[in-house]
Amino acid sequence: MNDLMSRIEILKTVVHPVRIAILDELAQGVKCVSDLQDFLHISQPNISQHLTALRQVGIIDYFIDGRLRCYFLKSPLILDLLDVLKKEYPCELPGPECCPVTKKGTYTGERKK
């Protein structure tokens, strides 16, 4: 259960579009804040706030190289999440024929076959 709760916290943290963009960049390799700033076109303090949130849930970390903080992914879960977000799905799931409990009622939407 604890593992599920930590994954839920990760999902709640990752949900922001800027954070997804940061994670997508980090999935390609180590990046410094200046690298992310060039890519994202947002302020350094804003990027730092997002990086702090991602670090707090343990999915990224950094090392110091001189005056630079170089960030990298720690959690393999992020690679899977990014893959799911990029995946193309051909169609929606079909609607039900009727209520599975009462066996009555009909689905009013279009059914895809």
N, C-alpha and C. Protein backbone atom coordinates (compact mmCIF):
# COMPACT_ATOMS: atom_id res chain seq x y z
N MET A 1 0.83 -1.19 0.00
CA MET A 1 0.00 0.00 0.00
C MET A 1 0.87 1.25 0.00
N ASN A 2 1.95 1.26 0.77
CA ASN A 2 2.82 2.41 0.83
C ASN A 2 3.41 2.73 -0.54
N ASP A 3 3.77 1.70 -1.30
CA ASP A 3 4.30 1.90 -2.64
C ASP A 3 3.26 2.56 -3.54
N LEU A 4 2.00 2.13 -3.42
CA LEU A 4 0.92 2.73 -4.19
C LEU A 4 0.76 4.20 -3.82
N MET A 5 0.82 4.51 -2.54
CA MET A 5 0.68 5.90 -2.09
C MET A 5 1.82 6.76 -2.62
N SER A 6 3.03 6.23 -2.63
CA SER A 6 4.16 7.03 -3.14
C SER A 6 4.00 7.25 -4.64
N ARG A 7 3.47 6.29 -5.37
CA ARG A 7 3.23 6.46 -6.80
C ARG A 7 2.12 7.49 -7.05
N ILE A 8 1.12 7.50 -6.18
CA ILE A 8 0.06 8.51 -6.29
C ILE A 8 0.65 9.90 -6.07
N GLU A 9 1.53 10.04 -5.09
CA GLU A 9 2.19 11.34 -4.85
C GLU A 9 3.03 11.75 -6.05
N ILE A 10 3.70 10.79 -6.66
CA ILE A 10 4.48 11.09 -7.87
C ILE A 10 3.56 11.59 -8.97
N LEU A 11 2.44 10.92 -9.19
CA LEU A 11 1.50 11.35 -10.23
C LEU A 11 0.97 12.75 -9.95
N LYS A 12 0.64 13.04 -8.70
CA LYS A 12 0.13 14.36 -8.36
C LYS A 12 1.19 15.44 -8.62
N THR A 13 2.44 15.11 -8.43
CA THR A 13 3.52 16.08 -8.64
C THR A 13 3.84 16.25 -10.12
N VAL A 14 3.82 15.18 -10.87
CA VAL A 14 4.22 15.19 -12.27
C VAL A 14 3.19 15.88 -13.17
N VAL A 15 1.95 15.98 -12.76
CA VAL A 15 0.84 16.38 -13.61
C VAL A 15 1.00 17.75 -14.29
N HIS A 16 1.87 18.60 -13.84
CA HIS A 16 2.04 19.93 -14.43
C HIS A 16 2.78 19.84 -15.78
N PRO A 17 2.32 20.57 -16.80
CA PRO A 17 2.96 20.50 -18.13
C PRO A 17 4.45 20.85 -18.13
N VAL A 18 4.85 21.83 -17.32
CA VAL A 18 6.27 22.19 -17.26
C VAL A 18 7.08 21.05 -16.67
N ARG A 19 6.54 20.40 -15.67
CA ARG A 19 7.25 19.28 -15.04
C ARG A 19 7.37 18.10 -16.00
N ILE A 20 6.35 17.86 -16.78
CA ILE A 20 6.43 16.80 -17.79
C ILE A 20 7.50 17.14 -18.81
N ALA A 21 7.57 18.40 -19.23
CA ALA A 21 8.60 18.82 -20.19
C ALA A 21 9.99 18.65 -19.58
N ILE A 22 10.16 19.01 -18.32
CA ILE A 22 11.45 18.84 -17.64
C ILE A 22 11.82 17.37 -17.60
N LEU A 23 10.88 16.52 -17.20
CA LEU A 23 11.16 15.09 -17.11
C LEU A 23 11.48 14.49 -18.48
N ASP A 24 10.80 14.97 -19.51
CA ASP A 24 11.07 14.50 -20.86
C ASP A 24 12.50 14.85 -21.27
N GLU A 25 12.94 16.04 -20.91
CA GLU A 25 14.33 16.43 -21.20
C GLU A 25 15.32 15.60 -20.39
N LEU A 26 15.02 15.38 -19.12
CA LEU A 26 15.93 14.59 -18.28
C LEU A 26 15.97 13.13 -18.70
N ALA A 27 14.92 12.66 -19.34
CA ALA A 27 14.92 11.28 -19.84
C ALA A 27 15.97 11.12 -20.94
N GLN A 28 16.37 12.22 -21.54
CA GLN A 28 17.38 12.18 -22.61
C GLN A 28 18.80 12.36 -22.08
N GLY A 29 18.91 12.69 -20.78
CA GLY A 29 20.23 12.83 -20.18
C GLY A 29 20.28 13.94 -19.15
N VAL A 30 21.43 14.06 -18.52
CA VAL A 30 21.66 15.05 -17.47
C VAL A 30 21.52 16.46 -18.05
N LYS A 31 20.84 17.33 -17.29
CA LYS A 31 20.65 18.72 -17.71
C LYS A 31 20.89 19.65 -16.53
N CYS A 32 21.46 20.81 -16.81
CA CYS A 32 21.60 21.86 -15.82
C CYS A 32 20.43 22.82 -15.96
N VAL A 33 20.24 23.66 -14.97
CA VAL A 33 19.11 24.59 -15.00
C VAL A 33 19.19 25.48 -16.24
N SER A 34 20.38 25.92 -16.61
CA SER A 34 20.51 26.78 -17.80
C SER A 34 20.08 26.04 -19.07
N ASP A 35 20.35 24.74 -19.15
CA ASP A 35 19.88 23.94 -20.29
C ASP A 35 18.36 23.93 -20.34
N LEU A 36 17.75 23.73 -19.19
CA LEU A 36 16.29 23.68 -19.12
C LEU A 36 15.69 25.06 -19.42
N GLN A 37 16.35 26.10 -18.97
CA GLN A 37 15.87 27.46 -19.21
C GLN A 37 15.88 27.77 -20.71
N ASP A 38 16.92 27.36 -21.41
CA ASP A 38 17.00 27.56 -22.86
C ASP A 38 15.87 26.84 -23.58
N PHE A 39 15.56 25.64 -23.11
CA PHE A 39 14.54 24.80 -23.74
C PHE A 39 13.12 25.26 -23.41
N LEU A 40 12.88 25.60 -22.13
CA LEU A 40 11.53 25.90 -21.67
C LEU A 40 11.11 27.35 -21.82
N HIS A 41 12.08 28.24 -21.91
CA HIS A 41 11.81 29.68 -22.04
C HIS A 41 11.00 30.22 -20.86
N ILE A 42 11.33 29.76 -19.65
CA ILE A 42 10.73 30.31 -18.44
C ILE A 42 11.87 30.68 -17.49
N SER A 43 11.56 31.44 -16.46
CA SER A 43 12.60 31.97 -15.58
C SER A 43 13.29 30.87 -14.77
N GLN A 44 14.53 31.17 -14.39
CA GLN A 44 15.31 30.23 -13.58
C GLN A 44 14.63 29.94 -12.25
N PRO A 45 14.09 30.96 -11.53
CA PRO A 45 13.41 30.65 -10.27
C PRO A 45 12.20 29.72 -10.46
N ASN A 46 11.46 29.90 -11.56
CA ASN A 46 10.31 29.03 -11.84
C ASN A 46 10.77 27.60 -12.08
N ILE A 47 11.80 27.43 -12.87
CA ILE A 47 12.36 26.10 -13.12
C ILE A 47 12.83 25.46 -11.81
N SER A 48 13.51 26.25 -10.99
CA SER A 48 14.01 25.73 -9.72
C SER A 48 12.87 25.25 -8.82
N GLN A 49 11.75 25.96 -8.82
CA GLN A 49 10.60 25.52 -8.02
C GLN A 49 10.08 24.17 -8.50
N HIS A 50 10.00 24.00 -9.81
CA HIS A 50 9.55 22.72 -10.36
C HIS A 50 10.54 21.60 -10.04
N LEU A 51 11.83 21.89 -10.16
CA LEU A 51 12.85 20.89 -9.85
C LEU A 51 12.79 20.49 -8.38
N THR A 52 12.56 21.45 -7.50
CA THR A 52 12.45 21.15 -6.07
C THR A 52 11.27 20.21 -5.81
N ALA A 53 10.14 20.49 -6.44
CA ALA A 53 8.97 19.62 -6.25
C ALA A 53 9.26 18.21 -6.73
N LEU A 54 9.94 18.08 -7.86
CA LEU A 54 10.27 16.76 -8.40
C LEU A 54 11.27 16.04 -7.51
N ARG A 55 12.20 16.79 -6.94
CA ARG A 55 13.17 16.18 -6.01
C ARG A 55 12.50 15.71 -4.73
N GLN A 56 11.52 16.47 -4.24
CA GLN A 56 10.88 16.13 -2.98
C GLN A 56 10.16 14.77 -3.03
N VAL A 57 9.67 14.39 -4.20
CA VAL A 57 9.03 13.07 -4.31
C VAL A 57 10.02 11.99 -4.75
N GLY A 58 11.29 12.38 -4.92
CA GLY A 58 12.34 11.39 -5.15
C GLY A 58 12.48 10.87 -6.56
N ILE A 59 11.98 11.61 -7.55
CA ILE A 59 12.09 11.09 -8.92
C ILE A 59 13.25 11.69 -9.70
N ILE A 60 13.83 12.78 -9.17
CA ILE A 60 15.05 13.32 -9.76
C ILE A 60 16.02 13.64 -8.62
N ASP A 61 17.27 13.87 -9.00
CA ASP A 61 18.28 14.33 -8.06
C ASP A 61 19.30 15.15 -8.85
N TYR A 62 20.31 15.64 -8.17
CA TYR A 62 21.33 16.42 -8.87
C TYR A 62 22.70 16.15 -8.26
N PHE A 63 23.72 16.55 -9.02
CA PHE A 63 25.08 16.60 -8.50
C PHE A 63 25.62 17.98 -8.83
N ILE A 64 26.62 18.40 -8.09
CA ILE A 64 27.19 19.73 -8.30
C ILE A 64 28.49 19.59 -9.08
N ASP A 65 28.59 20.38 -10.14
CA ASP A 65 29.79 20.42 -10.97
C ASP A 65 30.24 21.88 -11.02
N GLY A 66 31.16 22.23 -10.13
CA GLY A 66 31.57 23.63 -10.02
C GLY A 66 30.43 24.45 -9.47
N ARG A 67 29.96 25.39 -10.28
CA ARG A 67 28.83 26.23 -9.86
C ARG A 67 27.50 25.73 -10.41
N LEU A 68 27.52 24.65 -11.15
CA LEU A 68 26.30 24.13 -11.79
C LEU A 68 25.68 22.99 -10.98
N ARG A 69 24.36 22.97 -10.97
CA ARG A 69 23.63 21.81 -10.47
C ARG A 69 23.14 21.05 -11.69
N CYS A 70 23.55 19.81 -11.77
CA CYS A 70 23.19 18.98 -12.92
C CYS A 70 22.16 17.95 -12.47
N TYR A 71 20.99 18.00 -13.08
CA TYR A 71 19.86 17.17 -12.67
C TYR A 71 19.75 15.91 -13.53
N PHE A 72 19.24 14.85 -12.92
CA PHE A 72 19.07 13.58 -13.63
C PHE A 72 17.88 12.83 -13.04
N LEU A 73 17.32 11.91 -13.83
CA LEU A 73 16.21 11.07 -13.38
C LEU A 73 16.72 10.00 -12.43
N LYS A 74 15.92 9.69 -11.42
CA LYS A 74 16.21 8.58 -10.51
C LYS A 74 15.21 7.45 -10.65
N SER A 75 13.97 7.78 -10.91
CA SER A 75 12.90 6.78 -10.89
C SER A 75 12.62 6.22 -12.29
N PRO A 76 12.72 4.90 -12.45
CA PRO A 76 12.39 4.29 -13.74
C PRO A 76 10.90 4.41 -14.08
N LEU A 77 10.07 4.67 -13.07
CA LEU A 77 8.64 4.86 -13.30
C LEU A 77 8.39 6.02 -14.27
N ILE A 78 9.21 7.03 -14.22
CA ILE A 78 9.02 8.21 -15.07
C ILE A 78 9.16 7.85 -16.54
N LEU A 79 10.08 6.99 -16.88
CA LEU A 79 10.23 6.59 -18.28
C LEU A 79 8.96 5.90 -18.78
N ASP A 80 8.38 5.06 -17.94
CA ASP A 80 7.12 4.40 -18.30
C ASP A 80 5.99 5.41 -18.44
N LEU A 81 5.90 6.36 -17.51
CA LEU A 81 4.85 7.39 -17.58
C LEU A 81 4.97 8.21 -18.86
N LEU A 82 6.19 8.60 -19.19
CA LEU A 82 6.40 9.38 -20.42
C LEU A 82 6.01 8.57 -21.66
N ASP A 83 6.32 7.29 -21.66
CA ASP A 83 5.93 6.43 -22.78
C ASP A 83 4.42 6.36 -22.93
N VAL A 84 3.70 6.23 -21.82
CA VAL A 84 2.24 6.18 -21.86
C VAL A 84 1.68 7.49 -22.39
N LEU A 85 2.23 8.61 -21.95
CA LEU A 85 1.75 9.91 -22.41
C LEU A 85 1.97 10.12 -23.91
N LYS A 86 3.01 9.52 -24.44
CA LYS A 86 3.32 9.69 -25.87
C LYS A 86 2.63 8.66 -26.76
N LYS A 87 2.08 7.63 -26.15
CA LYS A 87 1.47 6.53 -26.91
C LYS A 87 0.23 7.00 -27.66
N GLU A 88 0.08 6.55 -28.87
CA GLU A 88 -1.11 6.84 -29.68
C GLU A 88 -2.10 5.69 -29.52
N TYR A 89 -3.34 6.04 -29.25
CA TYR A 89 -4.39 5.04 -29.11
C TYR A 89 -5.33 5.17 -30.30
N PRO A 90 -5.63 4.07 -30.98
CA PRO A 90 -6.43 4.15 -32.22
C PRO A 90 -7.89 4.55 -32.01
N CYS A 91 -8.48 4.21 -30.87
CA CYS A 91 -9.88 4.54 -30.66
C CYS A 91 -10.23 4.41 -29.18
N GLU A 92 -11.43 4.84 -28.85
CA GLU A 92 -11.91 4.70 -27.47
C GLU A 92 -12.37 3.26 -27.24
N LEU A 93 -12.51 2.92 -25.98
CA LEU A 93 -13.07 1.61 -25.64
C LEU A 93 -14.57 1.63 -25.96
N PRO A 94 -15.13 0.50 -26.34
CA PRO A 94 -16.56 0.49 -26.67
C PRO A 94 -17.42 0.66 -25.41
N GLY A 95 -18.59 1.25 -25.59
CA GLY A 95 -19.54 1.40 -24.49
C GLY A 95 -20.17 0.06 -24.15
N PRO A 96 -20.75 -0.03 -22.96
CA PRO A 96 -21.37 -1.30 -22.55
C PRO A 96 -22.69 -1.53 -23.27
N GLU A 97 -23.08 -2.79 -23.41
CA GLU A 97 -24.38 -3.14 -24.00
C GLU A 97 -25.50 -2.72 -23.06
N CYS A 98 -25.31 -2.97 -21.76
CA CYS A 98 -26.31 -2.61 -20.74
C CYS A 98 -25.62 -2.60 -19.39
N CYS A 99 -26.37 -2.36 -18.34
CA CYS A 99 -25.83 -2.37 -16.99
C CYS A 99 -25.43 -3.81 -16.63
N PRO A 100 -24.19 -4.02 -16.19
CA PRO A 100 -23.76 -5.40 -15.87
C PRO A 100 -24.46 -5.97 -14.64
N VAL A 101 -25.05 -5.14 -13.81
CA VAL A 101 -25.71 -5.62 -12.60
C VAL A 101 -27.18 -5.94 -12.87
N THR A 102 -27.90 -4.96 -13.41
CA THR A 102 -29.35 -5.16 -13.59
C THR A 102 -29.68 -5.78 -14.94
N LYS A 103 -28.74 -5.75 -15.86
CA LYS A 103 -28.91 -6.24 -17.23
C LYS A 103 -29.99 -5.43 -17.97
N LYS A 104 -30.23 -4.19 -17.52
CA LYS A 104 -31.21 -3.32 -18.14
C LYS A 104 -30.50 -2.05 -18.60
N GLY A 105 -31.25 -1.23 -19.27
CA GLY A 105 -30.71 0.03 -19.74
C GLY A 105 -29.88 -0.15 -20.98
N THR A 106 -29.69 0.91 -21.70
CA THR A 106 -28.86 0.86 -22.92
C THR A 106 -27.94 2.07 -22.94
N TYR A 107 -26.83 1.89 -23.55
CA TYR A 107 -25.84 2.96 -23.73
C TYR A 107 -26.31 3.86 -24.85
N THR A 108 -26.39 5.17 -24.57
CA THR A 108 -26.94 6.10 -25.55
C THR A 108 -25.90 6.65 -26.51
N GLY A 109 -24.65 6.46 -26.23
CA GLY A 109 -23.59 6.96 -27.12
C GLY A 109 -23.38 6.05 -28.31
N GLU A 110 -22.55 6.50 -29.25
CA GLU A 110 -22.24 5.66 -30.42
C GLU A 110 -21.29 4.55 -29.99
N ARG A 111 -21.52 3.38 -30.49
CA ARG A 111 -20.64 2.25 -30.24
C ARG A 111 -19.62 2.15 -31.35
N LYS A 112 -18.35 1.97 -30.96
CA LYS A 112 -17.30 1.77 -31.95
C LYS A 112 -17.00 0.28 -32.01
N LYS A 113 -16.97 -0.25 -33.20
CA LYS A 113 -16.75 -1.69 -33.34
C LYS A 113 -15.37 -1.99 -33.81
